[in-house]
PDB file of N, CA and C in Angstrom:
ATOM      1  N   UNK A   1      85.070 -21.548  22.987  1.00  0.00           N
ATOM      2  CA  UNK A   1      85.182 -21.604  21.547  1.00  0.00           C
ATOM      3  C   UNK A   1      84.243 -20.558  20.947  1.00  0.00           C
ATOM      4  N   UNK A   2      84.729 -19.856  19.951  1.00  0.00           N
ATOM      5  CA  UNK A   2      83.923 -18.841  19.301  1.00  0.00           C
ATOM      6  C   UNK A   2      83.012 -19.487  18.259  1.00  0.00           C
ATOM      7  N   UNK A   3      82.004 -18.758  17.830  1.00  0.00           N
ATOM      8  CA  UNK A   3      81.034 -19.269  16.862  1.00  0.00           C
ATOM      9  C   UNK A   3      81.611 -19.139  15.452  1.00  0.00           C
ATOM     10  N   UNK A   4      81.664 -20.250  14.729  1.00  0.00           N
ATOM     11  CA  UNK A   4      82.152 -20.239  13.355  1.00  0.00           C
ATOM     12  C   UNK A   4      81.202 -19.397  12.496  1.00  0.00           C
ATOM     13  N   UNK A   5      81.723 -18.640  11.522  1.00  0.00           N
ATOM     14  CA  UNK A   5      80.861 -17.792  10.687  1.00  0.00           C
ATOM     15  C   UNK A   5      79.716 -18.545  10.006  1.00  0.00           C
ATOM     16  N   UNK A   6      79.944 -19.799   9.591  1.00  0.00           N
ATOM     17  CA  UNK A   6      78.863 -20.568   8.965  1.00  0.00           C
ATOM     18  C   UNK A   6      77.755 -20.863   9.972  1.00  0.00           C
ATOM     19  N   UNK A   7      78.143 -21.221  11.199  1.00  0.00           N
ATOM     20  CA  UNK A   7      77.149 -21.485  12.242  1.00  0.00           C
ATOM     21  C   UNK A   7      76.408 -20.199  12.589  1.00  0.00           C
ATOM     22  N   UNK A   8      77.120 -19.066  12.620  1.00  0.00           N
ATOM     23  CA  UNK A   8      76.488 -17.779  12.895  1.00  0.00           C
ATOM     24  C   UNK A   8      75.459 -17.439  11.814  1.00  0.00           C
ATOM     25  N   UNK A   9      75.801 -17.710  10.564  1.00  0.00           N
ATOM     26  CA  UNK A   9      74.867 -17.454   9.463  1.00  0.00           C
ATOM     27  C   UNK A   9      73.624 -18.332   9.593  1.00  0.00           C
ATOM     28  N   UNK A  10      73.823 -19.594   9.962  1.00  0.00           N
ATOM     29  CA  UNK A  10      72.681 -20.496  10.141  1.00  0.00           C
ATOM     30  C   UNK A  10      71.796 -20.057  11.303  1.00  0.00           C
ATOM     31  N   UNK A  11      72.406 -19.577  12.378  1.00  0.00           N
ATOM     32  CA  UNK A  11      71.620 -19.078  13.507  1.00  0.00           C
ATOM     33  C   UNK A  11      70.824 -17.838  13.109  1.00  0.00           C
ATOM     34  N   UNK A  12      71.440 -16.962  12.327  1.00  0.00           N
ATOM     35  CA  UNK A  12      70.723 -15.785  11.828  1.00  0.00           C
ATOM     36  C   UNK A  12      69.554 -16.180  10.950  1.00  0.00           C
ATOM     37  N   UNK A  13      69.760 -17.175  10.096  1.00  0.00           N
ATOM     38  CA  UNK A  13      68.672 -17.657   9.244  1.00  0.00           C
ATOM     39  C   UNK A  13      67.570 -18.289  10.092  1.00  0.00           C
ATOM     40  N   UNK A  14      67.947 -19.049  11.125  1.00  0.00           N
ATOM     41  CA  UNK A  14      66.953 -19.666  12.008  1.00  0.00           C
ATOM     42  C   UNK A  14      66.111 -18.594  12.697  1.00  0.00           C
ATOM     43  N   UNK A  15      66.739 -17.504  13.068  1.00  0.00           N
ATOM     44  CA  UNK A  15      65.975 -16.422  13.709  1.00  0.00           C
ATOM     45  C   UNK A  15      65.009 -15.782  12.721  1.00  0.00           C
ATOM     46  N   UNK A  16      65.485 -15.513  11.518  1.00  0.00           N
ATOM     47  CA  UNK A  16      64.616 -14.892  10.517  1.00  0.00           C
ATOM     48  C   UNK A  16      63.450 -15.801  10.135  1.00  0.00           C
ATOM     49  N   UNK A  17      63.668 -17.108  10.173  1.00  0.00           N
ATOM     50  CA  UNK A  17      62.598 -18.045   9.814  1.00  0.00           C
ATOM     51  C   UNK A  17      61.789 -18.487  11.045  1.00  0.00           C
ATOM     52  N   UNK A  18      62.007 -17.821  12.163  1.00  0.00           N
ATOM     53  CA  UNK A  18      61.254 -18.056  13.405  1.00  0.00           C
ATOM     54  C   UNK A  18      61.420 -19.469  13.951  1.00  0.00           C
ATOM     55  N   UNK A  19      62.608 -19.995  13.846  1.00  0.00           N
ATOM     56  CA  UNK A  19      62.932 -21.318  14.381  1.00  0.00           C
ATOM     57  C   UNK A  19      63.931 -21.200  15.534  1.00  0.00           C
ATOM     58  N   UNK A  20      63.821 -20.097  16.285  1.00  0.00           N
ATOM     59  CA  UNK A  20      64.765 -19.849  17.365  1.00  0.00           C
ATOM     60  C   UNK A  20      64.009 -19.463  18.628  1.00  0.00           C
ATOM     61  N   UNK A  21      64.495 -19.948  19.754  1.00  0.00           N
ATOM     62  CA  UNK A  21      63.981 -19.565  21.064  1.00  0.00           C
ATOM     63  C   UNK A  21      65.085 -18.759  21.729  1.00  0.00           C
ATOM     64  N   UNK A  22      64.768 -17.555  22.186  1.00  0.00           N
ATOM     65  CA  UNK A  22      65.747 -16.704  22.855  1.00  0.00           C
ATOM     66  C   UNK A  22      65.269 -16.387  24.263  1.00  0.00           C
ATOM     67  N   UNK A  23      66.150 -16.488  25.219  1.00  0.00           N
ATOM     68  CA  UNK A  23      65.820 -16.152  26.595  1.00  0.00           C
ATOM     69  C   UNK A  23      65.725 -17.377  27.480  1.00  0.00           C
ATOM     70  N   UNK A  24      66.061 -17.169  28.748  1.00  0.00           N
ATOM     71  CA  UNK A  24      66.131 -18.277  29.690  1.00  0.00           C
ATOM     72  C   UNK A  24      64.778 -18.951  29.915  1.00  0.00           C
ATOM     73  N   UNK A  25      63.745 -18.176  30.225  1.00  0.00           N
ATOM     74  CA  UNK A  25      62.435 -18.774  30.510  1.00  0.00           C
ATOM     75  C   UNK A  25      61.836 -19.449  29.278  1.00  0.00           C
ATOM     76  N   UNK A  26      61.936 -18.791  28.137  1.00  0.00           N
ATOM     77  CA  UNK A  26      61.408 -19.376  26.903  1.00  0.00           C
ATOM     78  C   UNK A  26      62.144 -20.671  26.568  1.00  0.00           C
ATOM     79  N   UNK A  27      63.458 -20.691  26.798  1.00  0.00           N
ATOM     80  CA  UNK A  27      64.242 -21.894  26.519  1.00  0.00           C
ATOM     81  C   UNK A  27      63.863 -23.026  27.474  1.00  0.00           C
ATOM     82  N   UNK A  28      63.668 -22.712  28.751  1.00  0.00           N
ATOM     83  CA  UNK A  28      63.245 -23.737  29.708  1.00  0.00           C
ATOM     84  C   UNK A  28      61.921 -24.363  29.281  1.00  0.00           C
ATOM     85  N   UNK A  29      60.977 -23.527  28.837  1.00  0.00           N
ATOM     86  CA  UNK A  29      59.695 -24.050  28.357  1.00  0.00           C
ATOM     87  C   UNK A  29      59.879 -24.869  27.086  1.00  0.00           C
ATOM     88  N   UNK A  30      60.778 -24.428  26.205  1.00  0.00           N
ATOM     89  CA  UNK A  30      61.064 -25.169  24.978  1.00  0.00           C
ATOM     90  C   UNK A  30      61.656 -26.534  25.253  1.00  0.00           C
ATOM     91  N   UNK A  31      62.486 -26.634  26.290  1.00  0.00           N
ATOM     92  CA  UNK A  31      63.070 -27.924  26.670  1.00  0.00           C
ATOM     93  C   UNK A  31      61.995 -28.825  27.262  1.00  0.00           C
ATOM     94  N   UNK A  32      61.180 -28.273  28.167  1.00  0.00           N
ATOM     95  CA  UNK A  32      60.128 -29.062  28.810  1.00  0.00           C
ATOM     96  C   UNK A  32      59.110 -29.580  27.801  1.00  0.00           C
ATOM     97  N   UNK A  33      58.758 -28.746  26.816  1.00  0.00           N
ATOM     98  CA  UNK A  33      57.768 -29.146  25.816  1.00  0.00           C
ATOM     99  C   UNK A  33      58.399 -29.914  24.653  1.00  0.00           C
ATOM    100  N   UNK A  34      59.733 -30.051  24.683  1.00  0.00           N
ATOM    101  CA  UNK A  34      60.513 -30.741  23.642  1.00  0.00           C
ATOM    102  C   UNK A  34      60.408 -30.068  22.279  1.00  0.00           C
ATOM    103  N   UNK A  35      60.124 -28.760  22.266  1.00  0.00           N
ATOM    104  CA  UNK A  35      60.153 -27.988  21.020  1.00  0.00           C
ATOM    105  C   UNK A  35      61.590 -27.725  20.596  1.00  0.00           C
ATOM    106  N   UNK A  36      62.472 -27.556  21.575  1.00  0.00           N
ATOM    107  CA  UNK A  36      63.880 -27.268  21.280  1.00  0.00           C
ATOM    108  C   UNK A  36      64.552 -28.527  20.751  1.00  0.00           C
ATOM    109  N   UNK A  37      65.178 -28.420  19.591  1.00  0.00           N
ATOM    110  CA  UNK A  37      65.907 -29.535  18.976  1.00  0.00           C
ATOM    111  C   UNK A  37      67.407 -29.426  19.244  1.00  0.00           C
ATOM    112  N   UNK A  38      67.853 -28.229  19.619  1.00  0.00           N
ATOM    113  CA  UNK A  38      69.253 -27.958  19.945  1.00  0.00           C
ATOM    114  C   UNK A  38      69.272 -26.802  20.924  1.00  0.00           C
ATOM    115  N   UNK A  39      70.063 -26.930  21.969  1.00  0.00           N
ATOM    116  CA  UNK A  39      70.213 -25.867  22.964  1.00  0.00           C
ATOM    117  C   UNK A  39      71.655 -25.372  22.906  1.00  0.00           C
ATOM    118  N   UNK A  40      71.796 -24.046  22.838  1.00  0.00           N
ATOM    119  CA  UNK A  40      73.113 -23.419  22.825  1.00  0.00           C
ATOM    120  C   UNK A  40      73.162 -22.415  23.966  1.00  0.00           C
ATOM    121  N   UNK A  41      74.179 -22.548  24.803  1.00  0.00           N
ATOM    122  CA  UNK A  41      74.394 -21.596  25.886  1.00  0.00           C
ATOM    123  C   UNK A  41      75.718 -20.885  25.660  1.00  0.00           C
ATOM    124  N   UNK A  42      75.739 -19.608  25.998  1.00  0.00           N
ATOM    125  CA  UNK A  42      76.981 -18.843  25.904  1.00  0.00           C
ATOM    126  C   UNK A  42      77.944 -19.303  26.991  1.00  0.00           C
ATOM    127  N   UNK A  43      79.223 -19.179  26.707  1.00  0.00           N
ATOM    128  CA  UNK A  43      80.256 -19.591  27.658  1.00  0.00           C
ATOM    129  C   UNK A  43      80.211 -18.789  28.950  1.00  0.00           C
ATOM    130  N   UNK A  44      79.706 -17.544  28.888  1.00  0.00           N
ATOM    131  CA  UNK A  44      79.688 -16.695  30.068  1.00  0.00           C
ATOM    132  C   UNK A  44      78.370 -16.733  30.842  1.00  0.00           C
ATOM    133  N   UNK A  45      77.547 -17.744  30.605  1.00  0.00           N
ATOM    134  CA  UNK A  45      76.339 -17.972  31.404  1.00  0.00           C
ATOM    135  C   UNK A  45      76.784 -18.536  32.758  1.00  0.00           C
ATOM    136  N   UNK A  46      76.021 -18.233  33.785  1.00  0.00           N
ATOM    137  CA  UNK A  46      76.338 -18.691  35.142  1.00  0.00           C
ATOM    138  C   UNK A  46      76.472 -20.224  35.153  1.00  0.00           C
ATOM    139  N   UNK A  47      77.550 -20.753  35.736  1.00  0.00           N
ATOM    140  CA  UNK A  47      77.785 -22.206  35.726  1.00  0.00           C
ATOM    141  C   UNK A  47      76.621 -23.042  36.261  1.00  0.00           C
ATOM    142  N   UNK A  48      75.946 -22.555  37.275  1.00  0.00           N
ATOM    143  CA  UNK A  48      74.814 -23.307  37.830  1.00  0.00           C
ATOM    144  C   UNK A  48      73.704 -23.487  36.785  1.00  0.00           C
ATOM    145  N   UNK A  49      73.456 -22.450  35.992  1.00  0.00           N
ATOM    146  CA  UNK A  49      72.446 -22.538  34.928  1.00  0.00           C
ATOM    147  C   UNK A  49      72.889 -23.514  33.843  1.00  0.00           C
ATOM    148  N   UNK A  50      74.179 -23.485  33.500  1.00  0.00           N
ATOM    149  CA  UNK A  50      74.700 -24.421  32.497  1.00  0.00           C
ATOM    150  C   UNK A  50      74.471 -25.863  32.949  1.00  0.00           C
ATOM    151  N   UNK A  51      74.774 -26.135  34.207  1.00  0.00           N
ATOM    152  CA  UNK A  51      74.606 -27.482  34.732  1.00  0.00           C
ATOM    153  C   UNK A  51      73.138 -27.908  34.733  1.00  0.00           C
ATOM    154  N   UNK A  52      72.259 -27.016  35.197  1.00  0.00           N
ATOM    155  CA  UNK A  52      70.829 -27.347  35.276  1.00  0.00           C
ATOM    156  C   UNK A  52      70.241 -27.592  33.891  1.00  0.00           C
ATOM    157  N   UNK A  53      70.510 -26.695  32.957  1.00  0.00           N
ATOM    158  CA  UNK A  53      69.973 -26.867  31.606  1.00  0.00           C
ATOM    159  C   UNK A  53      70.610 -28.055  30.902  1.00  0.00           C
ATOM    160  N   UNK A  54      71.887 -28.288  31.158  1.00  0.00           N
ATOM    161  CA  UNK A  54      72.555 -29.455  30.588  1.00  0.00           C
ATOM    162  C   UNK A  54      71.910 -30.747  31.070  1.00  0.00           C
ATOM    163  N   UNK A  55      71.567 -30.801  32.350  1.00  0.00           N
ATOM    164  CA  UNK A  55      70.898 -31.986  32.902  1.00  0.00           C
ATOM    165  C   UNK A  55      69.522 -32.185  32.272  1.00  0.00           C
ATOM    166  N   UNK A  56      68.766 -31.089  32.127  1.00  0.00           N
ATOM    167  CA  UNK A  56      67.446 -31.184  31.481  1.00  0.00           C
ATOM    168  C   UNK A  56      67.588 -31.687  30.048  1.00  0.00           C
ATOM    169  N   UNK A  57      68.568 -31.162  29.330  1.00  0.00           N
ATOM    170  CA  UNK A  57      68.767 -31.569  27.935  1.00  0.00           C
ATOM    171  C   UNK A  57      69.147 -33.048  27.848  1.00  0.00           C
ATOM    172  N   UNK A  58      70.044 -33.493  28.717  1.00  0.00           N
ATOM    173  CA  UNK A  58      70.438 -34.909  28.708  1.00  0.00           C
ATOM    174  C   UNK A  58      69.232 -35.806  28.990  1.00  0.00           C
ATOM    175  N   UNK A  59      68.404 -35.434  29.955  1.00  0.00           N
ATOM    176  CA  UNK A  59      67.248 -36.267  30.284  1.00  0.00           C
ATOM    177  C   UNK A  59      66.201 -36.242  29.171  1.00  0.00           C
ATOM    178  N   UNK A  60      66.134 -35.143  28.406  1.00  0.00           N
ATOM    179  CA  UNK A  60      65.173 -35.040  27.303  1.00  0.00           C
ATOM    180  C   UNK A  60      65.765 -35.512  25.981  1.00  0.00           C
ATOM    181  N   UNK A  61      67.068 -35.815  25.945  1.00  0.00           N
ATOM    182  CA  UNK A  61      67.714 -36.262  24.712  1.00  0.00           C
ATOM    183  C   UNK A  61      67.930 -35.153  23.706  1.00  0.00           C
ATOM    184  N   UNK A  62      68.119 -33.933  24.184  1.00  0.00           N
ATOM    185  CA  UNK A  62      68.312 -32.767  23.310  1.00  0.00           C
ATOM    186  C   UNK A  62      69.802 -32.430  23.257  1.00  0.00           C
ATOM    187  N   UNK A  63      70.386 -32.282  22.064  1.00  0.00           N
ATOM    188  CA  UNK A  63      71.800 -31.892  21.963  1.00  0.00           C
ATOM    189  C   UNK A  63      72.037 -30.537  22.631  1.00  0.00           C
ATOM    190  N   UNK A  64      73.207 -30.374  23.225  1.00  0.00           N
ATOM    191  CA  UNK A  64      73.510 -29.221  24.053  1.00  0.00           C
ATOM    192  C   UNK A  64      74.923 -28.736  23.737  1.00  0.00           C
ATOM    193  N   UNK A  65      75.066 -27.449  23.454  1.00  0.00           N
ATOM    194  CA  UNK A  65      76.376 -26.867  23.160  1.00  0.00           C
ATOM    195  C   UNK A  65      76.645 -25.676  24.069  1.00  0.00           C
ATOM    196  N   UNK A  66      77.891 -25.514  24.463  1.00  0.00           N
ATOM    197  CA  UNK A  66      78.332 -24.290  25.119  1.00  0.00           C
ATOM    198  C   UNK A  66      79.295 -23.645  24.136  1.00  0.00           C
ATOM    199  N   UNK A  67      78.882 -22.496  23.611  1.00  0.00           N
ATOM    200  CA  UNK A  67      79.564 -21.932  22.454  1.00  0.00           C
ATOM    201  C   UNK A  67      79.412 -20.422  22.431  1.00  0.00           C
ATOM    202  N   UNK A  68      80.479 -19.708  22.181  1.00  0.00           N
ATOM    203  CA  UNK A  68      80.421 -18.257  22.035  1.00  0.00           C
ATOM    204  C   UNK A  68      80.135 -17.536  23.344  1.00  0.00           C
ATOM    205  N   UNK A  69      79.956 -16.230  23.249  1.00  0.00           N
ATOM    206  CA  UNK A  69      79.644 -15.407  24.408  1.00  0.00           C
ATOM    207  C   UNK A  69      78.332 -14.667  24.171  1.00  0.00           C
ATOM    208  N   UNK A  70      77.820 -14.072  25.229  1.00  0.00           N
ATOM    209  CA  UNK A  70      76.586 -13.291  25.104  1.00  0.00           C
ATOM    210  C   UNK A  70      76.762 -12.160  24.091  1.00  0.00           C
ATOM    211  N   UNK A  71      77.920 -11.527  24.114  1.00  0.00           N
ATOM    212  CA  UNK A  71      78.193 -10.438  23.173  1.00  0.00           C
ATOM    213  C   UNK A  71      78.227 -10.933  21.728  1.00  0.00           C
ATOM    214  N   UNK A  72      78.737 -12.140  21.518  1.00  0.00           N
ATOM    215  CA  UNK A  72      78.756 -12.720  20.179  1.00  0.00           C
ATOM    216  C   UNK A  72      77.333 -12.845  19.650  1.00  0.00           C
ATOM    217  N   UNK A  73      76.429 -13.368  20.470  1.00  0.00           N
ATOM    218  CA  UNK A  73      75.044 -13.542  20.042  1.00  0.00           C
ATOM    219  C   UNK A  73      74.321 -12.212  19.911  1.00  0.00           C
ATOM    220  N   UNK A  74      74.716 -11.220  20.702  1.00  0.00           N
ATOM    221  CA  UNK A  74      74.143  -9.884  20.544  1.00  0.00           C
ATOM    222  C   UNK A  74      74.469  -9.338  19.154  1.00  0.00           C
ATOM    223  N   UNK A  75      75.706  -9.587  18.689  1.00  0.00           N
ATOM    224  CA  UNK A  75      76.094  -9.143  17.339  1.00  0.00           C
ATOM    225  C   UNK A  75      75.383  -9.947  16.253  1.00  0.00           C
ATOM    226  N   UNK A  76      75.280 -11.260  16.448  1.00  0.00           N
ATOM    227  CA  UNK A  76      74.647 -12.109  15.432  1.00  0.00           C
ATOM    228  C   UNK A  76      73.174 -11.739  15.253  1.00  0.00           C
ATOM    229  N   UNK A  77      72.463 -11.555  16.374  1.00  0.00           N
ATOM    230  CA  UNK A  77      71.015 -11.331  16.318  1.00  0.00           C
ATOM    231  C   UNK A  77      70.624  -9.862  16.389  1.00  0.00           C
ATOM    232  N   UNK A  78      71.614  -8.984  16.599  1.00  0.00           N
ATOM    233  CA  UNK A  78      71.352  -7.550  16.718  1.00  0.00           C
ATOM    234  C   UNK A  78      70.345  -7.268  17.841  1.00  0.00           C
ATOM    235  N   UNK A  79      70.621  -7.852  19.016  1.00  0.00           N
ATOM    236  CA  UNK A  79      69.764  -7.692  20.190  1.00  0.00           C
ATOM    237  C   UNK A  79      70.640  -7.424  21.408  1.00  0.00           C
ATOM    238  N   UNK A  80      70.000  -7.273  22.559  1.00  0.00           N
ATOM    239  CA  UNK A  80      70.738  -7.175  23.815  1.00  0.00           C
ATOM    240  C   UNK A  80      71.481  -8.490  24.042  1.00  0.00           C
ATOM    241  N   UNK A  81      72.582  -8.461  24.793  1.00  0.00           N
ATOM    242  CA  UNK A  81      73.330  -9.703  25.052  1.00  0.00           C
ATOM    243  C   UNK A  81      72.427 -10.820  25.576  1.00  0.00           C
ATOM    244  N   UNK A  82      72.535 -11.971  24.946  1.00  0.00           N
ATOM    245  CA  UNK A  82      71.663 -13.107  25.248  1.00  0.00           C
ATOM    246  C   UNK A  82      72.493 -14.381  25.262  1.00  0.00           C
ATOM    247  N   UNK A  83      72.321 -15.193  26.292  1.00  0.00           N
ATOM    248  CA  UNK A  83      73.128 -16.398  26.409  1.00  0.00           C
ATOM    249  C   UNK A  83      72.359 -17.695  26.325  1.00  0.00           C
ATOM    250  N   UNK A  84      71.031 -17.631  26.186  1.00  0.00           N
ATOM    251  CA  UNK A  84      70.185 -18.821  26.159  1.00  0.00           C
ATOM    252  C   UNK A  84      69.493 -18.907  24.801  1.00  0.00           C
ATOM    253  N   UNK A  85      69.830 -19.926  24.011  1.00  0.00           N
ATOM    254  CA  UNK A  85      69.324 -20.046  22.646  1.00  0.00           C
ATOM    255  C   UNK A  85      68.862 -21.472  22.394  1.00  0.00           C
ATOM    256  N   UNK A  86      67.720 -21.603  21.736  1.00  0.00           N
ATOM    257  CA  UNK A  86      67.223 -22.911  21.332  1.00  0.00           C
ATOM    258  C   UNK A  86      66.826 -22.881  19.868  1.00  0.00           C
ATOM    259  N   UNK A  87      67.126 -23.944  19.153  1.00  0.00           N
ATOM    260  CA  UNK A  87      66.747 -24.076  17.740  1.00  0.00           C
ATOM    261  C   UNK A  87      65.600 -25.073  17.693  1.00  0.00           C
ATOM    262  N   UNK A  88      64.481 -24.688  17.058  1.00  0.00           N
ATOM    263  CA  UNK A  88      63.295 -25.547  17.059  1.00  0.00           C
ATOM    264  C   UNK A  88      63.150 -26.405  15.809  1.00  0.00           C
ATOM    265  N   UNK A  89      63.873 -26.103  14.768  1.00  0.00           N
ATOM    266  CA  UNK A  89      63.789 -26.876  13.530  1.00  0.00           C
ATOM    267  C   UNK A  89      64.866 -27.966  13.534  1.00  0.00           C
ATOM    268  N   UNK A  90      64.452 -29.211  13.347  1.00  0.00           N
ATOM    269  CA  UNK A  90      65.382 -30.345  13.426  1.00  0.00           C
ATOM    270  C   UNK A  90      66.478 -30.269  12.370  1.00  0.00           C
ATOM    271  N   UNK A  91      66.130 -29.983  11.126  1.00  0.00           N
ATOM    272  CA  UNK A  91      67.136 -29.920  10.064  1.00  0.00           C
ATOM    273  C   UNK A  91      68.132 -28.787  10.300  1.00  0.00           C
ATOM    274  N   UNK A  92      67.646 -27.651  10.778  1.00  0.00           N
ATOM    275  CA  UNK A  92      68.528 -26.524  11.086  1.00  0.00           C
ATOM    276  C   UNK A  92      69.451 -26.893  12.250  1.00  0.00           C
ATOM    277  N   UNK A  93      68.912 -27.556  13.259  1.00  0.00           N
ATOM    278  CA  UNK A  93      69.719 -27.981  14.408  1.00  0.00           C
ATOM    279  C   UNK A  93      70.813 -28.943  13.964  1.00  0.00           C
ATOM    280  N   UNK A  94      70.477 -29.893  13.105  1.00  0.00           N
ATOM    281  CA  UNK A  94      71.464 -30.851  12.613  1.00  0.00           C
ATOM    282  C   UNK A  94      72.542 -30.161  11.785  1.00  0.00           C
ATOM    283  N   UNK A  95      72.151 -29.188  10.983  1.00  0.00           N
ATOM    284  CA  UNK A  95      73.120 -28.451  10.163  1.00  0.00           C
ATOM    285  C   UNK A  95      74.080 -27.652  11.050  1.00  0.00           C
ATOM    286  N   UNK A  96      73.555 -27.017  12.085  1.00  0.00           N
ATOM    287  CA  UNK A  96      74.405 -26.244  12.994  1.00  0.00           C
ATOM    288  C   UNK A  96      75.358 -27.177  13.735  1.00  0.00           C
ATOM    289  N   UNK A  97      74.840 -28.288  14.236  1.00  0.00           N
ATOM    290  CA  UNK A  97      75.694 -29.263  14.918  1.00  0.00           C
ATOM    291  C   UNK A  97      76.791 -29.778  13.994  1.00  0.00           C
ATOM    292  N   UNK A  98      76.435 -30.084  12.755  1.00  0.00           N
ATOM    293  CA  UNK A  98      77.414 -30.563  11.792  1.00  0.00           C
ATOM    294  C   UNK A  98      78.503 -29.541  11.531  1.00  0.00           C
ATOM    295  N   UNK A  99      78.127 -28.275  11.408  1.00  0.00           N
ATOM    296  CA  UNK A  99      79.100 -27.212  11.175  1.00  0.00           C
ATOM    297  C   UNK A  99      80.017 -27.042  12.378  1.00  0.00           C
ATOM    298  N   UNK A 100      79.436 -27.040  13.563  1.00  0.00           N
ATOM    299  CA  UNK A 100      80.246 -26.881  14.779  1.00  0.00           C
ATOM    300  C   UNK A 100      81.205 -28.052  14.920  1.00  0.00           C
ATOM    301  N   UNK A 101      80.726 -29.262  14.697  1.00  0.00           N
ATOM    302  CA  UNK A 101      81.590 -30.449  14.811  1.00  0.00           C
ATOM    303  C   UNK A 101      82.689 -30.443  13.757  1.00  0.00           C
ATOM    304  N   UNK A 102      82.368 -30.012  12.549  1.00  0.00           N
ATOM    305  CA  UNK A 102      83.341 -30.004  11.461  1.00  0.00           C
ATOM    306  C   UNK A 102      84.472 -29.012  11.717  1.00  0.00           C
ATOM    307  N   UNK A 103      84.142 -27.845  12.265  1.00  0.00           N
ATOM    308  CA  UNK A 103      85.131 -26.794  12.433  1.00  0.00           C
ATOM    309  C   UNK A 103      85.625 -26.629  13.864  1.00  0.00           C
ATOM    310  N   UNK A 104      85.238 -27.524  14.774  1.00  0.00           N
ATOM    311  CA  UNK A 104      85.619 -27.346  16.174  1.00  0.00           C
ATOM    312  C   UNK A 104      87.098 -27.614  16.420  1.00  0.00           C
ATOM    313  N   UNK A 105      87.748 -28.338  15.561  1.00  0.00           N
ATOM    314  CA  UNK A 105      89.166 -28.648  15.762  1.00  0.00           C
ATOM    315  C   UNK A 105      90.087 -27.505  15.395  1.00  0.00           C
ATOM    316  N   UNK A 106      89.577 -26.501  14.697  1.00  0.00           N
ATOM    317  CA  UNK A 106      90.433 -25.390  14.232  1.00  0.00           C
ATOM    318  C   UNK A 106      90.632 -24.360  15.292  1.00  0.00           C
TER     319      UNK A 106
END
């Protein structure tokens, strides 16, 4: 599933307001320390990593999405292709989840 434009805008705002974790190692630390309120992985991340991070998120009670591609996030954040994303602000995470859930049927 591709990233809805509203969710992309919210992710861009989260990055500008420094409420985003980018990168595999930083995200793993964010999950372990429970700083991450929402974890988003790109669809083209290695399946073994998706499973491992998904298990960590389930055990920590952190919402987990597989959404978009690395190239999609490269365009959103204007960075090198990145597939590991964490949102650290609870309200921002809830807003992104709400947007994804609302528009996921389309």
